[in-house]
């Protein structure tokens, strides 16, 4: 099993969500996050100066079977891409085990196949 953590632009979240739900992913977790990047500059909007140090993004976490790791990453890369600095990052890691709290089952059989 694999874990995918993607940090994407807030403006791309709805598109990525729909693309994931249309693919082999039937469940994922997401939450708003704030980060600080290397690009620091001051901007003026409607006469008010503000800093771009803090960047608002959405973090998406997915646990999936090994065989759908690459197709899922490719969906996120394709849909979240704008070509501009700040498009985000995707991190993948191994998941040792997973458990169903309701049934007590463990292993990748806990992850449902999308019908």
Protein backbone atom coordinates (compact mmCIF):
# COMPACT_ATOMS: atom_id res chain seq x y z
CA UNK A 1 0.00 0.00 0.00
CA UNK A 2 1.08 3.55 -0.63
CA UNK A 3 0.29 6.95 0.81
CA UNK A 4 0.05 9.98 -1.45
CA UNK A 5 0.22 13.45 0.03
CA UNK A 6 -0.37 16.27 -2.43
CA UNK A 7 -0.18 19.98 -1.67
CA UNK A 8 -2.07 21.88 -4.39
CA UNK A 9 -3.45 25.34 -5.14
CA UNK A 10 -6.85 26.05 -3.58
CA UNK A 11 -8.10 27.15 -6.98
CA UNK A 12 -7.39 23.68 -8.41
CA UNK A 13 -8.99 21.64 -5.62
CA UNK A 14 -12.46 21.16 -7.18
CA UNK A 15 -10.95 19.99 -10.48
CA UNK A 16 -8.57 17.58 -8.73
CA UNK A 17 -11.38 16.29 -6.50
CA UNK A 18 -13.62 15.52 -9.49
CA UNK A 19 -10.75 13.88 -11.39
CA UNK A 20 -9.85 11.66 -8.41
CA UNK A 21 -13.46 10.61 -7.85
CA UNK A 22 -13.74 9.78 -11.56
CA UNK A 23 -10.64 7.58 -11.36
CA UNK A 24 -9.97 4.60 -9.07
CA UNK A 25 -10.03 6.68 -5.87
CA UNK A 26 -13.23 6.45 -3.84
CA UNK A 27 -12.06 8.19 -0.65
CA UNK A 28 -9.45 10.73 0.36
CA UNK A 29 -8.83 13.25 3.09
CA UNK A 30 -8.22 16.94 2.51
CA UNK A 31 -7.67 20.04 4.61
CA UNK A 32 -6.56 23.63 4.23
CA UNK A 33 -2.89 24.24 4.96
CA UNK A 34 -0.58 27.24 5.06
CA UNK A 35 3.03 27.14 4.00
CA UNK A 36 5.98 29.40 3.57
CA UNK A 37 7.90 29.23 0.31
CA UNK A 38 11.19 30.68 -0.84
CA UNK A 39 9.54 33.43 -2.87
CA UNK A 40 8.93 36.44 -0.65
CA UNK A 41 7.59 39.67 -2.02
CA UNK A 42 5.27 42.48 -1.14
CA UNK A 43 2.15 43.08 -3.20
CA UNK A 44 -0.37 45.88 -3.25
CA UNK A 45 -4.06 45.08 -3.65
CA UNK A 46 -6.62 47.89 -3.59
CA UNK A 47 -4.12 50.19 -1.96
CA UNK A 48 -3.21 47.74 0.82
CA UNK A 49 0.29 46.29 0.96
CA UNK A 50 0.56 42.65 2.00
CA UNK A 51 3.21 39.95 2.07
CA UNK A 52 3.11 36.76 -0.01
CA UNK A 53 5.17 34.81 2.56
CA UNK A 54 2.23 32.68 3.68
CA UNK A 55 0.74 30.54 0.92
CA UNK A 56 -2.73 28.98 1.27
CA UNK A 57 -3.02 25.51 -0.21
CA UNK A 58 -5.06 22.32 0.13
CA UNK A 59 -3.43 19.10 1.32
CA UNK A 60 -4.86 15.84 -0.03
CA UNK A 61 -4.02 12.50 1.57
CA UNK A 62 -4.78 9.22 -0.20
CA UNK A 63 -3.98 5.64 0.82
CA UNK A 64 -4.16 3.25 -2.13
CA UNK A 65 -3.03 -0.11 -3.41
CA UNK A 66 0.40 -0.18 -5.05
CA UNK A 67 -0.99 -0.73 -8.56
CA UNK A 68 -2.94 2.54 -8.63
CA UNK A 69 -0.18 4.73 -7.20
CA UNK A 70 1.23 5.88 -10.54
CA UNK A 71 -2.13 6.49 -12.28
CA UNK A 72 -3.32 8.50 -9.26
CA UNK A 73 -0.16 10.62 -9.18
CA UNK A 74 -0.53 11.25 -12.92
CA UNK A 75 -4.14 12.45 -12.44
CA UNK A 76 -3.02 14.95 -9.81
CA UNK A 77 -0.04 16.11 -11.90
CA UNK A 78 -2.21 16.64 -14.98
CA UNK A 79 -5.15 18.41 -13.31
CA UNK A 80 -3.29 20.52 -10.71
CA UNK A 81 -0.73 21.83 -13.22
CA UNK A 82 -0.77 25.51 -14.19
CA UNK A 83 2.89 25.88 -15.14
CA UNK A 84 3.37 28.70 -12.64
CA UNK A 85 5.57 28.75 -9.55
CA UNK A 86 3.60 27.41 -6.60
CA UNK A 87 1.71 24.57 -8.29
CA UNK A 88 2.55 22.34 -5.32
CA UNK A 89 4.21 19.05 -4.46
CA UNK A 90 3.33 15.36 -4.31
CA UNK A 91 4.94 13.04 -1.78
CA UNK A 92 4.59 9.25 -1.76
CA UNK A 93 5.48 6.79 0.98
CA UNK A 94 4.93 3.18 1.98
CA UNK A 95 2.08 2.23 4.30
CA UNK A 96 2.91 -0.73 6.51
CA UNK A 97 -0.66 -1.72 7.34
CA UNK A 98 -4.20 -0.42 7.55
CA UNK A 99 -7.05 -1.42 9.86
CA UNK A 100 -10.81 -1.08 9.71
CA UNK A 101 -12.00 0.23 13.05
CA UNK A 102 -15.52 -1.09 12.42
CA UNK A 103 -14.61 -4.68 11.43
CA UNK A 104 -11.10 -5.10 12.83
CA UNK A 105 -9.86 -6.33 9.44
CA UNK A 106 -6.41 -5.32 8.30
CA UNK A 107 -4.36 -5.28 5.12
CA UNK A 108 -5.13 -3.90 1.70
CA UNK A 109 -8.49 -5.73 1.63
CA UNK A 110 -9.70 -2.89 3.87
CA UNK A 111 -9.32 -0.60 0.84
CA UNK A 112 -12.37 -0.96 -1.36
CA UNK A 113 -12.20 -1.50 -5.08
CA UNK A 114 -14.25 1.04 -7.00
CA UNK A 115 -17.04 -0.69 -8.86
